[in-house]
Amino acid sequence: MAITMTQAASKRVAALKERRNRPTDLFKVGIRGGGCSGLSYYVDFVEEPGPKDKVFEFDNDVKVVVDRKSYLFVNGTEIDFVIEKMKRSFVFNNPLAQGSCSCGESFAL
């Protein structure tokens, strides 16, 4: 399996890169311990991948980097970007997640 990304998410990442004026940066996705359910996602921009990172390429010249340890938890995940009444955010549709907190900020396996 792999990481997938919706068109809405790739457009948002491209817009963020442009705003930062760093068009070559990579979008890093990872997992940390914490949150109501035990694990939470984080995103950041990096200049280059680590030696063991996996890199996935998407539309709009977006490259997503996932470190080896996080990949075990996000393999098969679809990254989306949603705009709701009170919130704009990346959403991680993770088939490995067995539960999440009510706010959607963390998950459990």
N, C-alpha and C. Protein backbone atom coordinates (compact mmCIF):
# COMPACT_ATOMS: atom_id res chain seq x y z
N MET A 1 0.83 -1.18 0.00
CA MET A 1 0.00 0.00 0.00
C MET A 1 0.88 1.25 0.00
N ALA A 2 0.23 2.38 -0.01
CA ALA A 2 0.96 3.65 -0.05
C ALA A 2 0.10 4.74 0.58
N ILE A 3 0.64 5.92 0.57
CA ILE A 3 -0.09 7.11 1.00
C ILE A 3 -0.76 7.69 -0.25
N THR A 4 -2.01 8.14 -0.11
CA THR A 4 -2.67 8.84 -1.21
C THR A 4 -3.06 10.23 -0.74
N MET A 5 -3.33 11.10 -1.71
CA MET A 5 -3.67 12.47 -1.38
C MET A 5 -4.73 12.96 -2.35
N THR A 6 -5.76 13.59 -1.82
CA THR A 6 -6.80 14.13 -2.68
C THR A 6 -6.29 15.39 -3.40
N GLN A 7 -7.01 15.76 -4.43
CA GLN A 7 -6.67 16.98 -5.16
C GLN A 7 -6.76 18.20 -4.25
N ALA A 8 -7.75 18.22 -3.37
CA ALA A 8 -7.91 19.35 -2.44
C ALA A 8 -6.69 19.47 -1.53
N ALA A 9 -6.18 18.36 -1.05
CA ALA A 9 -5.01 18.38 -0.18
C ALA A 9 -3.76 18.82 -0.93
N SER A 10 -3.55 18.30 -2.14
CA SER A 10 -2.35 18.70 -2.88
C SER A 10 -2.39 20.17 -3.26
N LYS A 11 -3.57 20.70 -3.57
CA LYS A 11 -3.70 22.13 -3.86
C LYS A 11 -3.36 22.96 -2.62
N ARG A 12 -3.82 22.51 -1.45
CA ARG A 12 -3.55 23.24 -0.21
C ARG A 12 -2.06 23.24 0.11
N VAL A 13 -1.41 22.09 -0.04
CA VAL A 13 0.03 22.02 0.22
C VAL A 13 0.78 22.93 -0.75
N ALA A 14 0.41 22.91 -2.02
CA ALA A 14 1.06 23.77 -3.02
C ALA A 14 0.88 25.24 -2.66
N ALA A 15 -0.31 25.61 -2.20
CA ALA A 15 -0.56 27.00 -1.80
C ALA A 15 0.27 27.39 -0.58
N LEU A 16 0.40 26.49 0.37
CA LEU A 16 1.22 26.76 1.56
C LEU A 16 2.69 26.92 1.19
N LYS A 17 3.18 26.08 0.28
CA LYS A 17 4.57 26.20 -0.17
C LYS A 17 4.80 27.54 -0.86
N GLU A 18 3.84 27.94 -1.68
CA GLU A 18 3.96 29.22 -2.39
C GLU A 18 3.96 30.38 -1.40
N ARG A 19 3.08 30.32 -0.43
CA ARG A 19 3.00 31.38 0.58
C ARG A 19 4.31 31.49 1.35
N ARG A 20 4.93 30.36 1.63
CA ARG A 20 6.21 30.34 2.35
C ARG A 20 7.39 30.72 1.45
N ASN A 21 7.12 30.78 0.13
CA ASN A 21 8.17 31.07 -0.85
C ASN A 21 9.29 30.03 -0.80
N ARG A 22 8.90 28.78 -0.61
CA ARG A 22 9.84 27.65 -0.56
C ARG A 22 9.31 26.54 -1.46
N PRO A 23 9.30 26.73 -2.78
CA PRO A 23 8.65 25.77 -3.68
C PRO A 23 9.29 24.38 -3.70
N THR A 24 10.50 24.23 -3.23
CA THR A 24 11.14 22.91 -3.26
C THR A 24 10.94 22.12 -1.97
N ASP A 25 10.33 22.74 -0.96
CA ASP A 25 10.13 22.03 0.30
C ASP A 25 9.22 20.82 0.12
N LEU A 26 9.42 19.83 0.97
CA LEU A 26 8.63 18.61 0.99
C LEU A 26 7.67 18.66 2.18
N PHE A 27 6.51 18.09 2.01
CA PHE A 27 5.49 18.05 3.05
C PHE A 27 5.69 16.78 3.86
N LYS A 28 6.08 16.93 5.11
CA LYS A 28 6.34 15.77 5.95
C LYS A 28 5.13 15.46 6.81
N VAL A 29 4.77 14.17 6.85
CA VAL A 29 3.67 13.68 7.65
C VAL A 29 4.23 12.65 8.62
N GLY A 30 3.85 12.75 9.88
CA GLY A 30 4.34 11.79 10.85
C GLY A 30 3.35 11.55 11.97
N ILE A 31 3.75 10.67 12.87
CA ILE A 31 2.93 10.28 14.02
C ILE A 31 3.71 10.56 15.30
N ARG A 32 3.01 11.05 16.30
CA ARG A 32 3.57 11.26 17.64
C ARG A 32 2.65 10.62 18.66
N GLY A 33 3.22 10.28 19.78
CA GLY A 33 2.40 9.85 20.90
C GLY A 33 1.73 11.07 21.50
N GLY A 34 0.47 10.92 21.89
CA GLY A 34 -0.23 12.03 22.52
C GLY A 34 -1.64 12.16 22.03
N GLY A 35 -2.35 13.10 22.59
CA GLY A 35 -3.74 13.31 22.24
C GLY A 35 -4.64 12.42 23.06
N CYS A 36 -5.92 12.62 22.94
CA CYS A 36 -6.92 11.87 23.73
C CYS A 36 -6.86 10.37 23.46
N SER A 37 -6.58 9.98 22.22
CA SER A 37 -6.63 8.57 21.85
C SER A 37 -5.26 7.89 21.82
N GLY A 38 -4.19 8.62 22.07
CA GLY A 38 -2.88 8.00 22.17
C GLY A 38 -1.89 8.35 21.08
N LEU A 39 -2.34 8.58 19.85
CA LEU A 39 -1.45 8.94 18.75
C LEU A 39 -2.02 10.14 18.01
N SER A 40 -1.15 11.01 17.53
CA SER A 40 -1.63 12.15 16.75
C SER A 40 -0.74 12.36 15.54
N TYR A 41 -1.31 12.95 14.52
CA TYR A 41 -0.59 13.26 13.29
C TYR A 41 0.11 14.60 13.45
N TYR A 42 1.22 14.77 12.74
CA TYR A 42 1.82 16.09 12.63
C TYR A 42 2.25 16.28 11.18
N VAL A 43 2.28 17.53 10.77
CA VAL A 43 2.75 17.88 9.43
C VAL A 43 3.75 19.01 9.56
N ASP A 44 4.68 19.05 8.63
CA ASP A 44 5.71 20.07 8.64
C ASP A 44 6.29 20.14 7.24
N PHE A 45 7.10 21.13 6.98
CA PHE A 45 7.83 21.19 5.73
C PHE A 45 9.30 20.94 6.01
N VAL A 46 9.95 20.17 5.14
CA VAL A 46 11.37 19.88 5.26
C VAL A 46 12.04 20.14 3.92
N GLU A 47 13.33 20.39 3.97
CA GLU A 47 14.06 20.67 2.74
C GLU A 47 14.42 19.42 1.98
N GLU A 48 14.69 18.33 2.70
CA GLU A 48 15.03 17.08 2.03
C GLU A 48 14.64 15.91 2.94
N PRO A 49 14.41 14.75 2.33
CA PRO A 49 14.03 13.59 3.14
C PRO A 49 15.23 13.02 3.89
N GLY A 50 14.93 12.32 4.97
CA GLY A 50 15.97 11.59 5.68
C GLY A 50 16.38 10.37 4.86
N PRO A 51 17.48 9.72 5.24
CA PRO A 51 17.99 8.60 4.45
C PRO A 51 17.04 7.41 4.33
N LYS A 52 16.16 7.22 5.29
CA LYS A 52 15.25 6.06 5.26
C LYS A 52 13.78 6.47 5.08
N ASP A 53 13.54 7.76 4.78
CA ASP A 53 12.18 8.24 4.59
C ASP A 53 11.61 7.74 3.27
N LYS A 54 10.31 7.57 3.24
CA LYS A 54 9.60 7.25 2.00
C LYS A 54 9.06 8.55 1.42
N VAL A 55 9.14 8.68 0.10
CA VAL A 55 8.68 9.89 -0.58
C VAL A 55 7.60 9.50 -1.59
N PHE A 56 6.49 10.22 -1.55
CA PHE A 56 5.38 10.00 -2.47
C PHE A 56 5.13 11.29 -3.23
N GLU A 57 4.92 11.17 -4.56
CA GLU A 57 4.72 12.34 -5.40
C GLU A 57 3.26 12.44 -5.83
N PHE A 58 2.74 13.69 -5.82
CA PHE A 58 1.35 13.94 -6.16
C PHE A 58 1.24 15.11 -7.11
N ASP A 59 0.00 15.45 -7.48
CA ASP A 59 -0.26 16.60 -8.36
C ASP A 59 0.29 17.88 -7.74
N ASN A 60 0.43 18.90 -8.57
CA ASN A 60 0.87 20.23 -8.14
C ASN A 60 2.30 20.22 -7.61
N ASP A 61 3.12 19.28 -8.06
CA ASP A 61 4.52 19.16 -7.63
C ASP A 61 4.65 18.98 -6.12
N VAL A 62 3.71 18.28 -5.53
CA VAL A 62 3.73 18.03 -4.08
C VAL A 62 4.39 16.69 -3.82
N LYS A 63 5.35 16.71 -2.92
CA LYS A 63 5.99 15.48 -2.47
C LYS A 63 5.75 15.34 -0.97
N VAL A 64 5.27 14.17 -0.58
CA VAL A 64 5.01 13.87 0.82
C VAL A 64 6.10 12.93 1.33
N VAL A 65 6.67 13.28 2.47
CA VAL A 65 7.73 12.49 3.09
C VAL A 65 7.18 11.88 4.38
N VAL A 66 7.45 10.59 4.57
CA VAL A 66 7.03 9.90 5.78
C VAL A 66 8.23 9.12 6.31
N ASP A 67 8.56 9.34 7.59
CA ASP A 67 9.68 8.60 8.16
C ASP A 67 9.28 7.13 8.34
N ARG A 68 10.27 6.28 8.44
CA ARG A 68 10.05 4.83 8.46
C ARG A 68 9.13 4.37 9.59
N LYS A 69 9.32 4.91 10.76
CA LYS A 69 8.52 4.51 11.91
C LYS A 69 7.05 4.94 11.74
N SER A 70 6.84 6.18 11.32
CA SER A 70 5.47 6.68 11.11
C SER A 70 4.76 5.91 10.01
N TYR A 71 5.51 5.47 9.00
CA TYR A 71 4.90 4.77 7.87
C TYR A 71 4.15 3.52 8.33
N LEU A 72 4.64 2.87 9.38
CA LEU A 72 3.95 1.69 9.91
C LEU A 72 2.53 2.02 10.34
N PHE A 73 2.30 3.28 10.76
CA PHE A 73 1.00 3.69 11.27
C PHE A 73 0.13 4.40 10.23
N VAL A 74 0.72 4.86 9.13
CA VAL A 74 -0.04 5.62 8.13
C VAL A 74 -0.13 4.92 6.78
N ASN A 75 0.41 3.75 6.66
CA ASN A 75 0.35 3.00 5.41
C ASN A 75 -1.10 2.81 5.00
N GLY A 76 -1.46 3.24 3.80
CA GLY A 76 -2.82 3.14 3.31
C GLY A 76 -3.68 4.37 3.58
N THR A 77 -3.12 5.37 4.23
CA THR A 77 -3.87 6.57 4.59
C THR A 77 -4.09 7.49 3.40
N GLU A 78 -5.28 8.06 3.33
CA GLU A 78 -5.58 9.10 2.36
C GLU A 78 -5.55 10.44 3.10
N ILE A 79 -4.79 11.38 2.56
CA ILE A 79 -4.72 12.72 3.13
C ILE A 79 -5.69 13.61 2.34
N ASP A 80 -6.57 14.27 3.05
CA ASP A 80 -7.55 15.15 2.43
C ASP A 80 -7.46 16.52 3.10
N PHE A 81 -8.02 17.52 2.47
CA PHE A 81 -8.12 18.85 3.08
C PHE A 81 -9.58 19.26 3.00
N VAL A 82 -10.16 19.58 4.15
CA VAL A 82 -11.58 19.93 4.18
C VAL A 82 -11.77 21.34 4.73
N ILE A 83 -12.79 21.98 4.21
CA ILE A 83 -13.20 23.30 4.69
C ILE A 83 -14.63 23.14 5.20
N GLU A 84 -14.78 23.35 6.50
CA GLU A 84 -16.10 23.27 7.13
C GLU A 84 -16.46 24.63 7.68
N LYS A 85 -17.58 24.74 8.30
CA LYS A 85 -18.05 26.04 8.80
C LYS A 85 -17.04 26.72 9.72
N MET A 86 -16.50 25.98 10.67
CA MET A 86 -15.62 26.57 11.68
C MET A 86 -14.18 26.07 11.59
N LYS A 87 -13.86 25.30 10.55
CA LYS A 87 -12.56 24.64 10.57
C LYS A 87 -12.06 24.36 9.16
N ARG A 88 -10.77 24.57 8.96
CA ARG A 88 -10.07 24.17 7.75
C ARG A 88 -8.92 23.29 8.22
N SER A 89 -8.84 22.08 7.69
CA SER A 89 -7.78 21.22 8.19
C SER A 89 -7.51 20.05 7.26
N PHE A 90 -6.32 19.48 7.44
CA PHE A 90 -6.00 18.23 6.79
C PHE A 90 -6.70 17.13 7.56
N VAL A 91 -7.25 16.18 6.83
CA VAL A 91 -7.93 15.04 7.43
C VAL A 91 -7.21 13.79 6.95
N PHE A 92 -6.97 12.89 7.89
CA PHE A 92 -6.26 11.65 7.59
C PHE A 92 -7.25 10.49 7.67
N ASN A 93 -7.59 9.93 6.52
CA ASN A 93 -8.49 8.79 6.46
C ASN A 93 -7.63 7.53 6.52
N ASN A 94 -7.43 7.05 7.74
CA ASN A 94 -6.48 5.97 8.01
C ASN A 94 -7.22 4.65 8.25
N PRO A 95 -7.05 3.67 7.35
CA PRO A 95 -7.75 2.40 7.54
C PRO A 95 -7.23 1.60 8.73
N LEU A 96 -6.06 1.93 9.24
CA LEU A 96 -5.50 1.23 10.39
C LEU A 96 -6.04 1.74 11.72
N ALA A 97 -6.58 2.95 11.72
CA ALA A 97 -7.10 3.54 12.96
C ALA A 97 -8.36 2.80 13.40
N GLN A 98 -8.38 2.44 14.66
CA GLN A 98 -9.53 1.71 15.19
C GLN A 98 -10.44 2.61 16.02
N GLY A 99 -10.02 3.82 16.25
CA GLY A 99 -10.83 4.76 16.99
C GLY A 99 -10.17 6.11 16.98
N SER A 100 -10.95 7.13 17.27
CA SER A 100 -10.38 8.48 17.36
C SER A 100 -11.16 9.26 18.41
N CYS A 101 -10.57 10.37 18.82
CA CYS A 101 -11.26 11.21 19.80
C CYS A 101 -12.37 11.99 19.08
N SER A 102 -13.23 12.61 19.83
CA SER A 102 -14.36 13.31 19.24
C SER A 102 -13.96 14.51 18.39
N CYS A 103 -12.82 15.13 18.69
CA CYS A 103 -12.39 16.29 17.91
C CYS A 103 -11.63 15.86 16.65
N GLY A 104 -11.25 14.57 16.56
CA GLY A 104 -10.56 14.08 15.38
C GLY A 104 -9.09 14.38 15.32
N GLU A 105 -8.52 14.90 16.40
CA GLU A 105 -7.11 15.27 16.41
C GLU A 105 -6.16 14.12 16.73
N SER A 106 -6.69 13.02 17.28
CA SER A 106 -5.84 11.88 17.60
C SER A 106 -6.58 10.58 17.31
N PHE A 107 -5.83 9.48 17.30
CA PHE A 107 -6.42 8.20 16.96
C PHE A 107 -5.74 7.08 17.75
N ALA A 108 -6.35 5.91 17.70
CA ALA A 108 -5.81 4.73 18.36
C ALA A 108 -5.74 3.59 17.37
N LEU A 109 -4.82 2.69 17.60
CA LEU A 109 -4.71 1.49 16.76
C LEU A 109 -5.18 0.28 17.52
